[in-house]
Amino acid sequence: MDILHEETGAKGRYSTTVEGHEAEVTYSRSSPRLIIVDHTGVPDALRGKGIGQALAAHAVEGARKGGWKIMPLCPFFRAQAMRHKDWQDVVDL
């Protein structure tokens, strides 16, 4: 799955298109060292296929490479972060 990253000003997103449907994780950059994940959107047609999980994991890898932290306000992303203790180095719960 190809995951795209876009950032314009203080807003950004990770997105992918699978089977003609687009899914995304959106965030706001509150400082050079912190992003706030505010939304994960996965169409019903893609639910249960691990798309949201893949987007969240990609955001975590981006934070590791970029040297920033993630504050998860999105309920889905927060739940994933609670399950993945190996994300604690970049996720600020």
PDB file of N, CA and C in Angstrom:
ATOM      1  N   MET A   1       0.844  -1.176   0.000  1.00  0.00           N
ATOM      2  CA  MET A   1       0.000   0.000   0.000  1.00  0.00           C
ATOM      3  C   MET A   1       0.889   1.239   0.000  1.00  0.00           C
ATOM      4  N   ASP A   2       0.602   2.149  -0.885  1.00  0.00           N
ATOM      5  CA  ASP A   2       1.335   3.413  -0.941  1.00  0.00           C
ATOM      6  C   ASP A   2       0.658   4.424  -0.025  1.00  0.00           C
ATOM      7  N   ILE A   3       1.445   4.999   0.881  1.00  0.00           N
ATOM      8  CA  ILE A   3       0.929   6.015   1.794  1.00  0.00           C
ATOM      9  C   ILE A   3       1.605   7.331   1.455  1.00  0.00           C
ATOM     10  N   LEU A   4       0.786   8.334   1.183  1.00  0.00           N
ATOM     11  CA  LEU A   4       1.282   9.660   0.830  1.00  0.00           C
ATOM     12  C   LEU A   4       1.279  10.544   2.065  1.00  0.00           C
ATOM     13  N   HIS A   5       2.222  11.487   2.094  1.00  0.00           N
ATOM     14  CA  HIS A   5       2.294  12.455   3.182  1.00  0.00           C
ATOM     15  C   HIS A   5       2.240  13.843   2.574  1.00  0.00           C
ATOM     16  N   GLU A   6       1.334  14.664   3.083  1.00  0.00           N
ATOM     17  CA  GLU A   6       1.212  16.057   2.646  1.00  0.00           C
ATOM     18  C   GLU A   6       1.253  16.936   3.882  1.00  0.00           C
ATOM     19  N   GLU A   7       1.951  18.071   3.770  1.00  0.00           N
ATOM     20  CA  GLU A   7       1.945  19.042   4.865  1.00  0.00           C
ATOM     21  C   GLU A   7       1.953  20.432   4.250  1.00  0.00           C
ATOM     22  N   THR A   8       0.962  21.231   4.646  1.00  0.00           N
ATOM     23  CA  THR A   8       0.843  22.599   4.183  1.00  0.00           C
ATOM     24  C   THR A   8       0.666  23.486   5.398  1.00  0.00           C
ATOM     25  N   GLY A   9       1.658  24.303   5.655  1.00  0.00           N
ATOM     26  CA  GLY A   9       1.595  25.136   6.856  1.00  0.00           C
ATOM     27  C   GLY A   9       1.572  24.266   8.092  1.00  0.00           C
ATOM     28  N   ALA A  10       0.583  24.475   8.933  1.00  0.00           N
ATOM     29  CA  ALA A  10       0.472  23.722  10.183  1.00  0.00           C
ATOM     30  C   ALA A  10      -0.409  22.480  10.059  1.00  0.00           C
ATOM     31  N   LYS A  11      -0.947  22.214   8.893  1.00  0.00           N
ATOM     32  CA  LYS A  11      -1.840  21.072   8.689  1.00  0.00           C
ATOM     33  C   LYS A  11      -1.145  20.000   7.850  1.00  0.00           C
ATOM     34  N   GLY A  12      -1.470  18.744   8.165  1.00  0.00           N
ATOM     35  CA  GLY A  12      -0.882  17.661   7.390  1.00  0.00           C
ATOM     36  C   GLY A  12      -1.767  16.442   7.396  1.00  0.00           C
ATOM     37  N   ARG A  13      -1.402  15.481   6.549  1.00  0.00           N
ATOM     38  CA  ARG A  13      -2.151  14.230   6.518  1.00  0.00           C
ATOM     39  C   ARG A  13      -1.343  13.126   5.864  1.00  0.00           C
ATOM     40  N   TYR A  14      -1.669  11.925   6.281  1.00  0.00           N
ATOM     41  CA  TYR A  14      -1.178  10.701   5.651  1.00  0.00           C
ATOM     42  C   TYR A  14      -2.407  10.094   4.986  1.00  0.00           C
ATOM     43  N   SER A  15      -2.277   9.679   3.731  1.00  0.00           N
ATOM     44  CA  SER A  15      -3.445   9.133   3.035  1.00  0.00           C
ATOM     45  C   SER A  15      -3.043   7.988   2.120  1.00  0.00           C
ATOM     46  N   THR A  16      -4.031   7.176   1.803  1.00  0.00           N
ATOM     47  CA  THR A  16      -3.843   6.079   0.861  1.00  0.00           C
ATOM     48  C   THR A  16      -5.162   5.834   0.148  1.00  0.00           C
ATOM     49  N   THR A  17      -5.080   5.286  -1.044  1.00  0.00           N
ATOM     50  CA  THR A  17      -6.267   4.894  -1.787  1.00  0.00           C
ATOM     51  C   THR A  17      -6.191   3.393  -2.019  1.00  0.00           C
ATOM     52  N   VAL A  18      -7.225   2.701  -1.565  1.00  0.00           N
ATOM     53  CA  VAL A  18      -7.305   1.251  -1.692  1.00  0.00           C
ATOM     54  C   VAL A  18      -8.674   0.908  -2.281  1.00  0.00           C
ATOM     55  N   GLU A  19      -8.664   0.102  -3.316  1.00  0.00           N
ATOM     56  CA  GLU A  19      -9.918  -0.316  -3.964  1.00  0.00           C
ATOM     57  C   GLU A  19     -10.794   0.881  -4.330  1.00  0.00           C
ATOM     58  N   GLY A  20     -10.163   1.986  -4.723  1.00  0.00           N
ATOM     59  CA  GLY A  20     -10.886   3.181  -5.130  1.00  0.00           C
ATOM     60  C   GLY A  20     -11.400   4.056  -4.005  1.00  0.00           C
ATOM     61  N   HIS A  21     -11.065   3.713  -2.753  1.00  0.00           N
ATOM     62  CA  HIS A  21     -11.515   4.492  -1.593  1.00  0.00           C
ATOM     63  C   HIS A  21     -10.312   5.111  -0.898  1.00  0.00           C
ATOM     64  N   GLU A  22     -10.469   6.379  -0.497  1.00  0.00           N
ATOM     65  CA  GLU A  22      -9.377   7.076   0.186  1.00  0.00           C
ATOM     66  C   GLU A  22      -9.567   7.036   1.699  1.00  0.00           C
ATOM     67  N   ALA A  23      -8.474   6.747   2.412  1.00  0.00           N
ATOM     68  CA  ALA A  23      -8.454   6.771   3.877  1.00  0.00           C
ATOM     69  C   ALA A  23      -7.371   7.757   4.296  1.00  0.00           C
ATOM     70  N   GLU A  24      -7.511   8.340   5.500  1.00  0.00           N
ATOM     71  CA  GLU A  24      -6.545   9.343   5.920  1.00  0.00           C
ATOM     72  C   GLU A  24      -6.406   9.435   7.433  1.00  0.00           C
ATOM     73  N   VAL A  25      -5.264   9.956   7.836  1.00  0.00           N
ATOM     74  CA  VAL A  25      -5.004  10.409   9.200  1.00  0.00           C
ATOM     75  C   VAL A  25      -4.600  11.869   9.050  1.00  0.00           C
ATOM     76  N   THR A  26      -5.279  12.766   9.757  1.00  0.00           N
ATOM     77  CA  THR A  26      -4.955  14.187   9.659  1.00  0.00           C
ATOM     78  C   THR A  26      -4.379  14.684  10.981  1.00  0.00           C
ATOM     79  N   TYR A  27      -3.580  15.726  10.869  1.00  0.00           N
ATOM     80  CA  TYR A  27      -2.943  16.286  12.061  1.00  0.00           C
ATOM     81  C   TYR A  27      -2.710  17.775  11.907  1.00  0.00           C
ATOM     82  N   SER A  28      -2.431  18.409  13.053  1.00  0.00           N
ATOM     83  CA  SER A  28      -2.005  19.807  13.096  1.00  0.00           C
ATOM     84  C   SER A  28      -0.647  19.835  13.778  1.00  0.00           C
ATOM     85  N   ARG A  29       0.242  20.640  13.256  1.00  0.00           N
ATOM     86  CA  ARG A  29       1.556  20.793  13.869  1.00  0.00           C
ATOM     87  C   ARG A  29       1.473  21.958  14.844  1.00  0.00           C
ATOM     88  N   SER A  30       1.635  21.652  16.131  1.00  0.00           N
ATOM     89  CA  SER A  30       1.539  22.720  17.131  1.00  0.00           C
ATOM     90  C   SER A  30       2.895  23.345  17.432  1.00  0.00           C
ATOM     91  N   SER A  31       3.971  22.636  17.085  1.00  0.00           N
ATOM     92  CA  SER A  31       5.326  23.169  17.230  1.00  0.00           C
ATOM     93  C   SER A  31       6.237  22.315  16.345  1.00  0.00           C
ATOM     94  N   PRO A  32       7.489  22.703  16.173  1.00  0.00           N
ATOM     95  CA  PRO A  32       8.394  21.877  15.361  1.00  0.00           C
ATOM     96  C   PRO A  32       8.588  20.471  15.935  1.00  0.00           C
ATOM     97  N   ARG A  33       8.284  20.278  17.201  1.00  0.00           N
ATOM     98  CA  ARG A  33       8.503  18.982  17.857  1.00  0.00           C
ATOM     99  C   ARG A  33       7.225  18.251  18.259  1.00  0.00           C
ATOM    100  N   LEU A  34       6.034  18.764  17.867  1.00  0.00           N
ATOM    101  CA  LEU A  34       4.780  18.132  18.277  1.00  0.00           C
ATOM    102  C   LEU A  34       3.716  18.243  17.198  1.00  0.00           C
ATOM    103  N   ILE A  35       3.086  17.090  16.876  1.00  0.00           N
ATOM    104  CA  ILE A  35       1.894  17.109  16.025  1.00  0.00           C
ATOM    105  C   ILE A  35       0.732  16.552  16.835  1.00  0.00           C
ATOM    106  N   ILE A  36      -0.456  17.034  16.512  1.00  0.00           N
ATOM    107  CA  ILE A  36      -1.676  16.579  17.167  1.00  0.00           C
ATOM    108  C   ILE A  36      -2.508  15.848  16.123  1.00  0.00           C
ATOM    109  N   VAL A  37      -2.626  14.526  16.270  1.00  0.00           N
ATOM    110  CA  VAL A  37      -3.450  13.739  15.352  1.00  0.00           C
ATOM    111  C   VAL A  37      -4.899  13.933  15.775  1.00  0.00           C
ATOM    112  N   ASP A  38      -5.710  14.479  14.854  1.00  0.00           N
ATOM    113  CA  ASP A  38      -7.080  14.831  15.211  1.00  0.00           C
ATOM    114  C   ASP A  38      -8.149  13.998  14.518  1.00  0.00           C
ATOM    115  N   HIS A  39      -7.765  13.185  13.518  1.00  0.00           N
ATOM    116  CA  HIS A  39      -8.797  12.448  12.781  1.00  0.00           C
ATOM    117  C   HIS A  39      -8.190  11.269  12.038  1.00  0.00           C
ATOM    118  N   THR A  40      -8.881  10.149  12.083  1.00  0.00           N
ATOM    119  CA  THR A  40      -8.585   9.012  11.223  1.00  0.00           C
ATOM    120  C   THR A  40      -9.879   8.688  10.505  1.00  0.00           C
ATOM    121  N   GLY A  41      -9.823   8.722   9.189  1.00  0.00           N
ATOM    122  CA  GLY A  41     -11.016   8.432   8.395  1.00  0.00           C
ATOM    123  C   GLY A  41     -10.782   7.248   7.482  1.00  0.00           C
ATOM    124  N   VAL A  42     -11.579   6.203   7.684  1.00  0.00           N
ATOM    125  CA  VAL A  42     -11.513   5.010   6.837  1.00  0.00           C
ATOM    126  C   VAL A  42     -12.933   4.716   6.368  1.00  0.00           C
ATOM    127  N   PRO A  43     -13.166   4.719   5.053  1.00  0.00           N
ATOM    128  CA  PRO A  43     -14.512   4.432   4.554  1.00  0.00           C
ATOM    129  C   PRO A  43     -14.994   3.047   4.986  1.00  0.00           C
ATOM    130  N   ASP A  44     -16.300   2.890   5.126  1.00  0.00           N
ATOM    131  CA  ASP A  44     -16.882   1.616   5.537  1.00  0.00           C
ATOM    132  C   ASP A  44     -16.403   0.454   4.667  1.00  0.00           C
ATOM    133  N   ALA A  45     -16.220   0.704   3.376  1.00  0.00           N
ATOM    134  CA  ALA A  45     -15.798  -0.364   2.460  1.00  0.00           C
ATOM    135  C   ALA A  45     -14.416  -0.912   2.795  1.00  0.00           C
ATOM    136  N   LEU A  46     -13.613  -0.144   3.543  1.00  0.00           N
ATOM    137  CA  LEU A  46     -12.252  -0.572   3.882  1.00  0.00           C
ATOM    138  C   LEU A  46     -12.104  -1.003   5.333  1.00  0.00           C
ATOM    139  N   ARG A  47     -13.140  -0.895   6.112  1.00  0.00           N
ATOM    140  CA  ARG A  47     -13.033  -1.234   7.533  1.00  0.00           C
ATOM    141  C   ARG A  47     -12.674  -2.709   7.712  1.00  0.00           C
ATOM    142  N   GLY A  48     -11.855  -2.954   8.738  1.00  0.00           N
ATOM    143  CA  GLY A  48     -11.449  -4.316   9.045  1.00  0.00           C
ATOM    144  C   GLY A  48     -10.304  -4.844   8.206  1.00  0.00           C
ATOM    145  N   LYS A  49      -9.726  -3.995   7.364  1.00  0.00           N
ATOM    146  CA  LYS A  49      -8.634  -4.423   6.488  1.00  0.00           C
ATOM    147  C   LYS A  49      -7.270  -3.925   6.956  1.00  0.00           C
ATOM    148  N   GLY A  50      -7.215  -3.283   8.122  1.00  0.00           N
ATOM    149  CA  GLY A  50      -5.947  -2.810   8.664  1.00  0.00           C
ATOM    150  C   GLY A  50      -5.444  -1.506   8.068  1.00  0.00           C
ATOM    151  N   ILE A  51      -6.297  -0.801   7.349  1.00  0.00           N
ATOM    152  CA  ILE A  51      -5.883   0.445   6.686  1.00  0.00           C
ATOM    153  C   ILE A  51      -5.591   1.534   7.718  1.00  0.00           C
ATOM    154  N   GLY A  52      -6.483   1.720   8.677  1.00  0.00           N
ATOM    155  CA  GLY A  52      -6.272   2.724   9.716  1.00  0.00           C
ATOM    156  C   GLY A  52      -5.017   2.425  10.522  1.00  0.00           C
ATOM    157  N   GLN A  53      -4.819   1.170  10.843  1.00  0.00           N
ATOM    158  CA  GLN A  53      -3.623   0.743  11.575  1.00  0.00           C
ATOM    159  C   GLN A  53      -2.358   1.058  10.771  1.00  0.00           C
ATOM    160  N   ALA A  54      -2.382   0.789   9.477  1.00  0.00           N
ATOM    161  CA  ALA A  54      -1.219   1.055   8.628  1.00  0.00           C
ATOM    162  C   ALA A  54      -0.915   2.552   8.568  1.00  0.00           C
ATOM    163  N   LEU A  55      -1.955   3.379   8.472  1.00  0.00           N
ATOM    164  CA  LEU A  55      -1.753   4.826   8.454  1.00  0.00           C
ATOM    165  C   LEU A  55      -1.179   5.313   9.781  1.00  0.00           C
ATOM    166  N   ALA A  56      -1.710   4.797  10.884  1.00  0.00           N
ATOM    167  CA  ALA A  56      -1.213   5.194  12.204  1.00  0.00           C
ATOM    168  C   ALA A  56       0.251   4.797  12.369  1.00  0.00           C
ATOM    169  N   ALA A  57       0.591   3.585  11.975  1.00  0.00           N
ATOM    170  CA  ALA A  57       1.975   3.116  12.083  1.00  0.00           C
ATOM    171  C   ALA A  57       2.906   3.966  11.221  1.00  0.00           C
ATOM    172  N   HIS A  58       2.428   4.382  10.062  1.00  0.00           N
ATOM    173  CA  HIS A  58       3.235   5.229   9.180  1.00  0.00           C
ATOM    174  C   HIS A  58       3.489   6.591   9.835  1.00  0.00           C
ATOM    175  N   ALA A  59       2.472   7.135  10.501  1.00  0.00           N
ATOM    176  CA  ALA A  59       2.635   8.409  11.217  1.00  0.00           C
ATOM    177  C   ALA A  59       3.658   8.267  12.340  1.00  0.00           C
ATOM    178  N   VAL A  60       3.632   7.140  13.039  1.00  0.00           N
ATOM    179  CA  VAL A  60       4.596   6.893  14.115  1.00  0.00           C
ATOM    180  C   VAL A  60       6.013   6.830  13.541  1.00  0.00           C
ATOM    181  N   GLU A  61       6.176   6.146  12.434  1.00  0.00           N
ATOM    182  CA  GLU A  61       7.507   6.075  11.806  1.00  0.00           C
ATOM    183  C   GLU A  61       7.970   7.454  11.342  1.00  0.00           C
ATOM    184  N   GLY A  62       7.037   8.254  10.825  1.00  0.00           N
ATOM    185  CA  GLY A  62       7.379   9.625  10.426  1.00  0.00           C
ATOM    186  C   GLY A  62       7.839  10.452  11.601  1.00  0.00           C
ATOM    187  N   ALA A  63       7.192  10.272  12.742  1.00  0.00           N
ATOM    188  CA  ALA A  63       7.583  11.002  13.961  1.00  0.00           C
ATOM    189  C   ALA A  63       8.977  10.569  14.423  1.00  0.00           C
ATOM    190  N   ARG A  64       9.242   9.298  14.346  1.00  0.00           N
ATOM    191  CA  ARG A  64      10.578   8.809  14.737  1.00  0.00           C
ATOM    192  C   ARG A  64      11.655   9.403  13.839  1.00  0.00           C
ATOM    193  N   LYS A  65      11.420   9.373  12.548  1.00  0.00           N
ATOM    194  CA  LYS A  65      12.408   9.908  11.595  1.00  0.00           C
ATOM    195  C   LYS A  65      12.560  11.413  11.736  1.00  0.00           C
ATOM    196  N   GLY A  66      11.445  12.112  12.010  1.00  0.00           N
ATOM    197  CA  GLY A  66      11.461  13.567  12.103  1.00  0.00           C
ATOM    198  C   GLY A  66      11.853  14.102  13.464  1.00  0.00           C
ATOM    199  N   GLY A  67      11.873  13.235  14.467  1.00  0.00           N
ATOM    200  CA  GLY A  67      12.253  13.670  15.802  1.00  0.00           C
ATOM    201  C   GLY A  67      11.184  14.455  16.536  1.00  0.00           C
ATOM    202  N   TRP A  68       9.911  14.150  16.261  1.00  0.00           N
ATOM    203  CA  TRP A  68       8.840  14.841  16.968  1.00  0.00           C
ATOM    204  C   TRP A  68       7.955  13.853  17.718  1.00  0.00           C
ATOM    205  N   LYS A  69       7.067  14.401  18.533  1.00  0.00           N
ATOM    206  CA  LYS A  69       6.116  13.622  19.318  1.00  0.00           C
ATOM    207  C   LYS A  69       4.724  13.759  18.702  1.00  0.00           C
ATOM    208  N   ILE A  70       3.863  12.781  19.029  1.00  0.00           N
ATOM    209  CA  ILE A  70       2.472  12.789  18.572  1.00  0.00           C
ATOM    210  C   ILE A  70       1.564  12.841  19.796  1.00  0.00           C
ATOM    211  N   MET A  71       0.634  13.793  19.790  1.00  0.00           N
ATOM    212  CA  MET A  71      -0.428  13.836  20.795  1.00  0.00           C
ATOM    213  C   MET A  71      -1.695  13.349  20.089  1.00  0.00           C
ATOM    214  N   PRO A  72      -2.225  12.184  20.470  1.00  0.00           N
ATOM    215  CA  PRO A  72      -3.394  11.633  19.779  1.00  0.00           C
ATOM    216  C   PRO A  72      -4.721  12.109  20.371  1.00  0.00           C
ATOM    217  N   LEU A  73      -5.384  13.048  19.704  1.00  0.00           N
ATOM    218  CA  LEU A  73      -6.727  13.456  20.114  1.00  0.00           C
ATOM    219  C   LEU A  73      -7.779  12.585  19.438  1.00  0.00           C
ATOM    220  N   CYS A  74      -7.437  11.992  18.313  1.00  0.00           N
ATOM    221  CA  CYS A  74      -8.330  11.094  17.581  1.00  0.00           C
ATOM    222  C   CYS A  74      -8.536   9.818  18.404  1.00  0.00           C
ATOM    223  N   PRO A  75      -9.789   9.434  18.681  1.00  0.00           N
ATOM    224  CA  PRO A  75     -10.043   8.231  19.487  1.00  0.00           C
ATOM    225  C   PRO A  75      -9.430   6.953  18.899  1.00  0.00           C
ATOM    226  N   PHE A  76      -9.490   6.787  17.576  1.00  0.00           N
ATOM    227  CA  PHE A  76      -8.910   5.589  16.962  1.00  0.00           C
ATOM    228  C   PHE A  76      -7.401   5.556  17.165  1.00  0.00           C
ATOM    229  N   PHE A  77      -6.741   6.665  16.859  1.00  0.00           N
ATOM    230  CA  PHE A  77      -5.281   6.708  16.983  1.00  0.00           C
ATOM    231  C   PHE A  77      -4.868   6.501  18.443  1.00  0.00           C
ATOM    232  N   ARG A  78      -5.608   7.109  19.349  1.00  0.00           N
ATOM    233  CA  ARG A  78      -5.304   6.958  20.783  1.00  0.00           C
ATOM    234  C   ARG A  78      -5.429   5.491  21.206  1.00  0.00           C
ATOM    235  N   ALA A  79      -6.492   4.824  20.760  1.00  0.00           N
ATOM    236  CA  ALA A  79      -6.685   3.409  21.094  1.00  0.00           C
ATOM    237  C   ALA A  79      -5.547   2.561  20.537  1.00  0.00           C
ATOM    238  N   GLN A  80      -5.103   2.852  19.329  1.00  0.00           N
ATOM    239  CA  GLN A  80      -3.979   2.116  18.740  1.00  0.00           C
ATOM    240  C   GLN A  80      -2.710   2.342  19.553  1.00  0.00           C
ATOM    241  N   ALA A  81      -2.487   3.576  19.963  1.00  0.00           N
ATOM    242  CA  ALA A  81      -1.293   3.898  20.747  1.00  0.00           C
ATOM    243  C   ALA A  81      -1.304   3.182  22.095  1.00  0.00           C
ATOM    244  N   MET A  82      -2.491   3.012  22.676  1.00  0.00           N
ATOM    245  CA  MET A  82      -2.594   2.301  23.960  1.00  0.00           C
ATOM    246  C   MET A  82      -2.250   0.818  23.777  1.00  0.00           C
ATOM    247  N   ARG A  83      -2.557   0.270  22.604  1.00  0.00           N
ATOM    248  CA  ARG A  83      -2.278  -1.143  22.319  1.00  0.00           C
ATOM    249  C   ARG A  83      -0.823  -1.395  21.960  1.00  0.00           C
ATOM    250  N   HIS A  84      -0.168  -0.382  21.416  1.00  0.00           N
ATOM    251  CA  HIS A  84       1.204  -0.535  20.916  1.00  0.00           C
ATOM    252  C   HIS A  84       2.182   0.159  21.858  1.00  0.00           C
ATOM    253  N   LYS A  85       2.623  -0.552  22.840  1.00  0.00           N
ATOM    254  CA  LYS A  85       3.571   0.011  23.819  1.00  0.00           C
ATOM    255  C   LYS A  85       4.886   0.418  23.159  1.00  0.00           C
ATOM    256  N   ASP A  86       5.196  -0.202  22.015  1.00  0.00           N
ATOM    257  CA  ASP A  86       6.415   0.145  21.290  1.00  0.00           C
ATOM    258  C   ASP A  86       6.331   1.522  20.615  1.00  0.00           C
ATOM    259  N   TRP A  87       5.188   2.162  20.671  1.00  0.00           N
ATOM    260  CA  TRP A  87       5.032   3.513  20.131  1.00  0.00           C
ATOM    261  C   TRP A  87       5.286   4.582  21.185  1.00  0.00           C
ATOM    262  N   GLN A  88       5.452   4.199  22.430  1.00  0.00           N
ATOM    263  CA  GLN A  88       5.523   5.145  23.533  1.00  0.00           C
ATOM    264  C   GLN A  88       6.689   6.128  23.408  1.00  0.00           C
ATOM    265  N   ASP A  89       7.697   5.791  22.612  1.00  0.00           N
ATOM    266  CA  ASP A  89       8.825   6.716  22.438  1.00  0.00           C
ATOM    267  C   ASP A  89       8.419   7.991  21.705  1.00  0.00           C
ATOM    268  N   VAL A  90       7.334   7.926  20.918  1.00  0.00           N
ATOM    269  CA  VAL A  90       6.901   9.121  20.176  1.00  0.00           C
ATOM    270  C   VAL A  90       5.469   9.572  20.466  1.00  0.00           C
ATOM    271  N   VAL A  91       4.684   8.721  21.118  1.00  0.00           N
ATOM    272  CA  VAL A  91       3.293   9.084  21.399  1.00  0.00           C
ATOM    273  C   VAL A  91       3.179   9.617  22.822  1.00  0.00           C
ATOM    274  N   ASP A  92       2.607  10.799  22.941  1.00  0.00           N
ATOM    275  CA  ASP A  92       2.429  11.464  24.240  1.00  0.00           C
ATOM    276  C   ASP A  92       0.991  11.268  24.705  1.00  0.00           C
ATOM    277  N   LEU A  93       0.768  10.255  25.541  1.00  0.00           N
ATOM    278  CA  LEU A  93      -0.604   9.949  25.991  1.00  0.00           C
ATOM    279  C   LEU A  93      -0.988  10.787  27.172  1.00  0.00           C
TER     280      LEU A  93
END
